[in-house]
Amino acid sequence: MFISIDGGDGTGKSTQVELLCRWLEELGHEVLACRDPGSTPLGEAVRRLLLDHHNMAIDRRSEMLLYMAARAQLVEQIVRPALRQGKTVLSDRYLLANVVYPGYAGRLDVATLWEVGRVATGGLMPELTVVLDLPVEAAAARLTGSPDRMEQQGEQFHARVREGFLAEADKHSDQIVVIDAAGTIDEVQERIRAHLAAVLARRGRQ
């Protein structure tokens, strides 16, 4: 099974991915966790280039293609082999983020981004994408440390990001579920687990 966890900056994705991995392993799943971009040498290099180089001018289209290249490598080197081995793959972000950020927030054409994404991934999509949702001000208040390039894009940018996630979830409600990210870490995790448990039960999996 292939699951991705997504949402705006500050919604708690990475923490929830870690907790969800433990729960799935307790249920007997062999879990492979990855992050997008990242988890391969190419992906980590792209991640550093896009997130750490605050003063480098990167056009939105160039930015999007770099993310797509990292994702293509992730799919071929990490995700497909793990799925062939029967593992459950849990990804911290995937293609949806690369539609929402440059599309809704960066004003690139959303339909085109989905098509480029299909090419980059060879058509491999998660069976379930969980979007963690939180108002922009509340999400920003959770961020700690020095902000990366995306985190410092401004409130209006991140408001469009949130709108994009919600809009795409509405369009693709069979594959994308929105989970309220307000409350404690444990409360959010319980919401995710409750939904995923229902999905697993429907598919005859533990």
C-alpha atoms as a PDB file:
ATOM      1  CA  MET A   1       0.000   0.000   0.000  1.00  0.00           C
ATOM      2  CA  PHE A   2       1.215   3.491  -0.850  1.00  0.00           C
ATOM      3  CA  ILE A   3       0.162   6.375   1.435  1.00  0.00           C
ATOM      4  CA  SER A   4       1.243  10.002   1.398  1.00  0.00           C
ATOM      5  CA  ILE A   5       0.868  12.617   4.117  1.00  0.00           C
ATOM      6  CA  ASP A   6       0.637  16.216   2.902  1.00  0.00           C
ATOM      7  CA  GLY A   7      -0.491  19.675   3.925  1.00  0.00           C
ATOM      8  CA  GLY A   8       0.827  23.167   4.440  1.00  0.00           C
ATOM      9  CA  ASP A   9       4.012  24.049   6.289  1.00  0.00           C
ATOM     10  CA  GLY A  10       3.531  23.806  10.043  1.00  0.00           C
ATOM     11  CA  THR A  11       0.692  21.269   9.971  1.00  0.00           C
ATOM     12  CA  GLY A  12       2.838  18.544  11.564  1.00  0.00           C
ATOM     13  CA  LYS A  13       3.386  16.148   8.657  1.00  0.00           C
ATOM     14  CA  SER A  14       6.770  14.765   9.644  1.00  0.00           C
ATOM     15  CA  THR A  15       5.728  14.084  13.235  1.00  0.00           C
ATOM     16  CA  GLN A  16       2.548  12.333  12.110  1.00  0.00           C
ATOM     17  CA  VAL A  17       4.430  10.235   9.540  1.00  0.00           C
ATOM     18  CA  GLU A  18       6.760   8.968  12.266  1.00  0.00           C
ATOM     19  CA  LEU A  19       3.881   8.032  14.580  1.00  0.00           C
ATOM     20  CA  LEU A  20       1.886   6.428  11.778  1.00  0.00           C
ATOM     21  CA  CYS A  21       4.877   4.285  10.824  1.00  0.00           C
ATOM     22  CA  ARG A  22       5.036   2.882  14.340  1.00  0.00           C
ATOM     23  CA  TRP A  23       1.308   2.101  14.347  1.00  0.00           C
ATOM     24  CA  LEU A  24       1.420   0.359  10.974  1.00  0.00           C
ATOM     25  CA  GLU A  25       4.401  -1.706  12.109  1.00  0.00           C
ATOM     26  CA  GLU A  26       2.459  -2.723  15.225  1.00  0.00           C
ATOM     27  CA  LEU A  27      -0.296  -3.936  12.884  1.00  0.00           C
ATOM     28  CA  GLY A  28       2.235  -6.141  11.109  1.00  0.00           C
ATOM     29  CA  HIS A  29       3.099  -3.983   8.093  1.00  0.00           C
ATOM     30  CA  GLU A  30       6.651  -3.770   6.834  1.00  0.00           C
ATOM     31  CA  VAL A  31       6.865  -0.003   6.395  1.00  0.00           C
ATOM     32  CA  LEU A  32       9.222   2.076   4.310  1.00  0.00           C
ATOM     33  CA  ALA A  33       9.102   5.798   5.093  1.00  0.00           C
ATOM     34  CA  CYS A  34      10.438   8.395   2.680  1.00  0.00           C
ATOM     35  CA  ARG A  35      10.240  12.121   2.055  1.00  0.00           C
ATOM     36  CA  ASP A  36       9.629  14.031  -1.147  1.00  0.00           C
ATOM     37  CA  PRO A  37      11.914  15.623  -2.145  1.00  0.00           C
ATOM     38  CA  GLY A  38      14.593  13.483  -0.572  1.00  0.00           C
ATOM     39  CA  SER A  39      15.417   9.886   0.369  1.00  0.00           C
ATOM     40  CA  THR A  40      17.819   9.486  -2.584  1.00  0.00           C
ATOM     41  CA  PRO A  41      21.150  11.250  -3.183  1.00  0.00           C
ATOM     42  CA  LEU A  42      19.578  13.198  -6.055  1.00  0.00           C
ATOM     43  CA  GLY A  43      16.475  14.022  -4.040  1.00  0.00           C
ATOM     44  CA  GLU A  44      18.453  15.270  -1.059  1.00  0.00           C
ATOM     45  CA  ALA A  45      20.620  17.442  -3.324  1.00  0.00           C
ATOM     46  CA  VAL A  46      17.500  18.950  -4.914  1.00  0.00           C
ATOM     47  CA  ARG A  47      15.992  19.476  -1.468  1.00  0.00           C
ATOM     48  CA  ARG A  48      19.036  21.456  -0.333  1.00  0.00           C
ATOM     49  CA  LEU A  49      19.036  23.472  -3.550  1.00  0.00           C
ATOM     50  CA  LEU A  50      15.338  24.382  -3.346  1.00  0.00           C
ATOM     51  CA  LEU A  51      14.883  24.887   0.382  1.00  0.00           C
ATOM     52  CA  ASP A  52      18.218  26.106   1.713  1.00  0.00           C
ATOM     53  CA  HIS A  53      19.397  28.526  -0.990  1.00  0.00           C
ATOM     54  CA  HIS A  54      17.277  31.519  -0.008  1.00  0.00           C
ATOM     55  CA  ASN A  55      19.071  34.028  -2.239  1.00  0.00           C
ATOM     56  CA  MET A  56      19.118  31.999  -5.462  1.00  0.00           C
ATOM     57  CA  ALA A  57      16.596  33.155  -8.078  1.00  0.00           C
ATOM     58  CA  ILE A  58      14.515  30.126  -9.116  1.00  0.00           C
ATOM     59  CA  ASP A  59      11.571  30.591 -11.463  1.00  0.00           C
ATOM     60  CA  ARG A  60       8.374  28.780 -10.443  1.00  0.00           C
ATOM     61  CA  ARG A  61       8.520  26.557 -13.523  1.00  0.00           C
ATOM     62  CA  SER A  62      12.167  25.677 -12.885  1.00  0.00           C
ATOM     63  CA  GLU A  63      11.349  25.004  -9.245  1.00  0.00           C
ATOM     64  CA  MET A  64       8.501  22.694 -10.208  1.00  0.00           C
ATOM     65  CA  LEU A  65      10.656  20.702 -12.645  1.00  0.00           C
ATOM     66  CA  LEU A  66      13.387  20.236 -10.054  1.00  0.00           C
ATOM     67  CA  TYR A  67      10.825  18.839  -7.631  1.00  0.00           C
ATOM     68  CA  MET A  68       9.524  16.546 -10.384  1.00  0.00           C
ATOM     69  CA  ALA A  69      13.038  15.266 -11.128  1.00  0.00           C
ATOM     70  CA  ALA A  70      13.589  14.423  -7.459  1.00  0.00           C
ATOM     71  CA  ARG A  71      10.219  12.645  -7.400  1.00  0.00           C
ATOM     72  CA  ALA A  72      10.997  10.614 -10.511  1.00  0.00           C
ATOM     73  CA  GLN A  73      14.170   9.349  -8.854  1.00  0.00           C
ATOM     74  CA  LEU A  74      12.305   8.608  -5.622  1.00  0.00           C
ATOM     75  CA  VAL A  75       9.729   6.514  -7.460  1.00  0.00           C
ATOM     76  CA  GLU A  76      12.216   4.443  -9.437  1.00  0.00           C
ATOM     77  CA  GLN A  77      14.850   4.012  -6.724  1.00  0.00           C
ATOM     78  CA  ILE A  78      12.716   3.729  -3.590  1.00  0.00           C
ATOM     79  CA  VAL A  79       8.941   3.499  -3.970  1.00  0.00           C
ATOM     80  CA  ARG A  80       8.434   0.993  -6.793  1.00  0.00           C
ATOM     81  CA  PRO A  81      10.990  -1.508  -5.452  1.00  0.00           C
ATOM     82  CA  ALA A  82       9.431  -1.341  -1.976  1.00  0.00           C
ATOM     83  CA  LEU A  83       5.917  -1.892  -3.327  1.00  0.00           C
ATOM     84  CA  ARG A  84       7.138  -4.848  -5.394  1.00  0.00           C
ATOM     85  CA  GLN A  85       8.495  -6.334  -2.170  1.00  0.00           C
ATOM     86  CA  GLY A  86       5.064  -6.015  -0.553  1.00  0.00           C
ATOM     87  CA  LYS A  87       6.006  -3.177   1.777  1.00  0.00           C
ATOM     88  CA  THR A  88       3.729  -0.350   2.853  1.00  0.00           C
ATOM     89  CA  VAL A  89       5.229   2.933   1.655  1.00  0.00           C
ATOM     90  CA  LEU A  90       4.552   6.092   3.661  1.00  0.00           C
ATOM     91  CA  SER A  91       5.735   9.306   2.021  1.00  0.00           C
ATOM     92  CA  ASP A  92       6.086  12.728   3.629  1.00  0.00           C
ATOM     93  CA  ARG A  93       4.659  14.689   0.661  1.00  0.00           C
ATOM     94  CA  TYR A  94       4.233  13.518  -2.913  1.00  0.00           C
ATOM     95  CA  LEU A  95       2.795  14.830  -6.188  1.00  0.00           C
ATOM     96  CA  LEU A  96      -0.147  16.711  -4.651  1.00  0.00           C
ATOM     97  CA  ALA A  97       2.243  19.218  -3.064  1.00  0.00           C
ATOM     98  CA  ASN A  98       3.848  19.841  -6.442  1.00  0.00           C
ATOM     99  CA  VAL A  99       0.418  20.645  -7.862  1.00  0.00           C
ATOM    100  CA  VAL A 100      -0.688  22.895  -5.008  1.00  0.00           C
ATOM    101  CA  TYR A 101       2.426  24.959  -4.299  1.00  0.00           C
ATOM    102  CA  PRO A 102       3.410  26.031  -7.860  1.00  0.00           C
ATOM    103  CA  GLY A 103      -0.167  25.711  -9.147  1.00  0.00           C
ATOM    104  CA  TYR A 104      -2.542  27.382  -6.725  1.00  0.00           C
ATOM    105  CA  ALA A 105       0.080  29.456  -4.899  1.00  0.00           C
ATOM    106  CA  GLY A 106       2.540  30.015  -7.765  1.00  0.00           C
ATOM    107  CA  ARG A 107      -0.100  30.515 -10.486  1.00  0.00           C
ATOM    108  CA  LEU A 108       1.053  27.744 -12.856  1.00  0.00           C
ATOM    109  CA  ASP A 109      -1.622  25.728 -14.678  1.00  0.00           C
ATOM    110  CA  VAL A 110      -2.922  22.982 -12.390  1.00  0.00           C
ATOM    111  CA  ALA A 111      -3.981  20.569 -15.137  1.00  0.00           C
ATOM    112  CA  THR A 112      -0.547  20.804 -16.722  1.00  0.00           C
ATOM    113  CA  LEU A 113       1.127  20.099 -13.386  1.00  0.00           C
ATOM    114  CA  TRP A 114      -0.913  16.905 -12.945  1.00  0.00           C
ATOM    115  CA  GLU A 115       0.131  15.805 -16.446  1.00  0.00           C
ATOM    116  CA  VAL A 116       3.825  16.533 -15.855  1.00  0.00           C
ATOM    117  CA  GLY A 117       3.506  14.670 -12.574  1.00  0.00           C
ATOM    118  CA  ARG A 118       2.079  11.617 -14.292  1.00  0.00           C
ATOM    119  CA  VAL A 119       5.095  11.552 -16.588  1.00  0.00           C
ATOM    120  CA  ALA A 120       7.560  12.046 -13.717  1.00  0.00           C
ATOM    121  CA  THR A 121       6.019   9.268 -11.594  1.00  0.00           C
ATOM    122  CA  GLY A 122       5.205   6.883 -14.430  1.00  0.00           C
ATOM    123  CA  GLY A 123       1.601   7.129 -13.270  1.00  0.00           C
ATOM    124  CA  LEU A 124       2.304   5.851  -9.756  1.00  0.00           C
ATOM    125  CA  MET A 125      -0.086   7.502  -7.304  1.00  0.00           C
ATOM    126  CA  PRO A 126      -0.779   6.853  -3.615  1.00  0.00           C
ATOM    127  CA  GLU A 127      -3.811   4.767  -2.780  1.00  0.00           C
ATOM    128  CA  LEU A 128      -4.532   7.349  -0.094  1.00  0.00           C
ATOM    129  CA  THR A 129      -3.319  10.909   0.482  1.00  0.00           C
ATOM    130  CA  VAL A 130      -3.938  12.428   3.904  1.00  0.00           C
ATOM    131  CA  VAL A 131      -3.979  16.241   3.913  1.00  0.00           C
ATOM    132  CA  LEU A 132      -3.408  17.810   7.310  1.00  0.00           C
ATOM    133  CA  ASP A 133      -5.339  21.061   7.458  1.00  0.00           C
ATOM    134  CA  LEU A 134      -4.782  24.023   9.737  1.00  0.00           C
ATOM    135  CA  PRO A 135      -5.467  27.775   9.394  1.00  0.00           C
ATOM    136  CA  VAL A 136      -2.409  29.589   8.090  1.00  0.00           C
ATOM    137  CA  GLU A 137      -1.779  31.657  11.220  1.00  0.00           C
ATOM    138  CA  ALA A 138      -1.999  28.608  13.464  1.00  0.00           C
ATOM    139  CA  ALA A 139       0.338  26.625  11.208  1.00  0.00           C
ATOM    140  CA  ALA A 140       2.872  29.461  11.091  1.00  0.00           C
ATOM    141  CA  ALA A 141       2.870  29.666  14.879  1.00  0.00           C
ATOM    142  CA  ARG A 142       4.007  26.039  15.051  1.00  0.00           C
ATOM    143  CA  LEU A 143       7.117  26.586  12.925  1.00  0.00           C
ATOM    144  CA  THR A 144      10.387  26.695  14.810  1.00  0.00           C
ATOM    145  CA  GLY A 145      13.937  27.457  13.791  1.00  0.00           C
ATOM    146  CA  SER A 146      15.090  29.323  10.693  1.00  0.00           C
ATOM    147  CA  PRO A 147      12.435  29.198   7.921  1.00  0.00           C
ATOM    148  CA  ASP A 148      13.324  27.543   4.615  1.00  0.00           C
ATOM    149  CA  ARG A 149      12.630  29.078   1.175  1.00  0.00           C
ATOM    150  CA  MET A 150       9.062  27.816   1.053  1.00  0.00           C
ATOM    151  CA  GLU A 151       8.196  28.667   4.642  1.00  0.00           C
ATOM    152  CA  GLN A 152       9.203  32.311   4.107  1.00  0.00           C
ATOM    153  CA  GLN A 153       6.961  32.887   1.074  1.00  0.00           C
ATOM    154  CA  GLY A 154       4.457  34.974   3.015  1.00  0.00           C
ATOM    155  CA  GLU A 155       0.942  34.643   4.440  1.00  0.00           C
ATOM    156  CA  GLN A 156      -0.942  35.177   1.158  1.00  0.00           C
ATOM    157  CA  PHE A 157       1.139  32.501  -0.568  1.00  0.00           C
ATOM    158  CA  HIS A 158       0.414  30.007   2.200  1.00  0.00           C
ATOM    159  CA  ALA A 159      -3.271  30.932   2.221  1.00  0.00           C
ATOM    160  CA  ARG A 160      -3.394  29.961  -1.471  1.00  0.00           C
ATOM    161  CA  VAL A 161      -1.552  26.744  -0.612  1.00  0.00           C
ATOM    162  CA  ARG A 162      -4.246  25.860   1.915  1.00  0.00           C
ATOM    163  CA  GLU A 163      -7.008  26.717  -0.568  1.00  0.00           C
ATOM    164  CA  GLY A 164      -5.298  24.502  -3.140  1.00  0.00           C
ATOM    165  CA  PHE A 165      -5.100  21.479  -0.872  1.00  0.00           C
ATOM    166  CA  LEU A 166      -8.770  21.817   0.045  1.00  0.00           C
ATOM    167  CA  ALA A 167      -9.824  22.336  -3.583  1.00  0.00           C
ATOM    168  CA  GLU A 168      -7.927  19.268  -4.808  1.00  0.00           C
ATOM    169  CA  ALA A 169      -9.261  17.168  -1.943  1.00  0.00           C
ATOM    170  CA  ASP A 170     -12.776  18.164  -2.973  1.00  0.00           C
ATOM    171  CA  LYS A 171     -12.072  17.184  -6.592  1.00  0.00           C
ATOM    172  CA  HIS A 172     -10.456  13.855  -5.690  1.00  0.00           C
ATOM    173  CA  SER A 173     -12.361  12.832  -2.576  1.00  0.00           C
ATOM    174  CA  ASP A 174     -11.935   9.131  -3.429  1.00  0.00           C
ATOM    175  CA  GLN A 175      -8.154   9.399  -2.996  1.00  0.00           C
ATOM    176  CA  ILE A 176      -7.587  12.437  -0.760  1.00  0.00           C
ATOM    177  CA  VAL A 177      -8.904  12.882   2.779  1.00  0.00           C
ATOM    178  CA  VAL A 178      -8.618  16.080   4.834  1.00  0.00           C
ATOM    179  CA  ILE A 179      -7.784  15.651   8.519  1.00  0.00           C
ATOM    180  CA  ASP A 180      -8.100  18.481  11.029  1.00  0.00           C
ATOM    181  CA  ALA A 181      -4.564  19.151  12.313  1.00  0.00           C
ATOM    182  CA  ALA A 182      -5.701  21.244  15.293  1.00  0.00           C
ATOM    183  CA  GLY A 183      -5.246  19.876  18.793  1.00  0.00           C
ATOM    184  CA  THR A 184      -2.506  17.756  20.315  1.00  0.00           C
ATOM    185  CA  ILE A 185      -0.171  15.511  18.359  1.00  0.00           C
ATOM    186  CA  ASP A 186      -1.932  12.439  19.765  1.00  0.00           C
ATOM    187  CA  GLU A 187      -5.383  13.766  18.875  1.00  0.00           C
ATOM    188  CA  VAL A 188      -4.352  14.345  15.263  1.00  0.00           C
ATOM    189  CA  GLN A 189      -2.741  10.922  15.081  1.00  0.00           C
ATOM    190  CA  GLU A 190      -5.935   9.298  16.335  1.00  0.00           C
ATOM    191  CA  ARG A 191      -7.916  11.003  13.564  1.00  0.00           C
ATOM    192  CA  ILE A 192      -5.494   9.715  10.949  1.00  0.00           C
ATOM    193  CA  ARG A 193      -5.514   6.200  12.379  1.00  0.00           C
ATOM    194  CA  ALA A 194      -9.305   6.080  12.541  1.00  0.00           C
ATOM    195  CA  HIS A 195      -9.605   6.954   8.862  1.00  0.00           C
ATOM    196  CA  LEU A 196      -6.820   4.624   7.760  1.00  0.00           C
ATOM    197  CA  ALA A 197      -8.209   1.759   9.832  1.00  0.00           C
ATOM    198  CA  ALA A 198     -11.518   2.115   7.983  1.00  0.00           C
ATOM    199  CA  VAL A 199      -9.690   2.119   4.631  1.00  0.00           C
ATOM    200  CA  LEU A 200      -7.722  -1.007   5.556  1.00  0.00           C
ATOM    201  CA  ALA A 201     -10.883  -2.758   6.761  1.00  0.00           C
ATOM    202  CA  ARG A 202     -12.687  -2.012   3.497  1.00  0.00           C
ATOM    203  CA  ARG A 203      -9.799  -3.478   1.543  1.00  0.00           C
ATOM    204  CA  GLY A 204      -9.575  -6.582   3.693  1.00  0.00           C
ATOM    205  CA  ARG A 205      -6.274  -5.600   5.273  1.00  0.00           C
ATOM    206  CA  GLN A 206      -5.396  -5.308   8.921  1.00  0.00           C
END
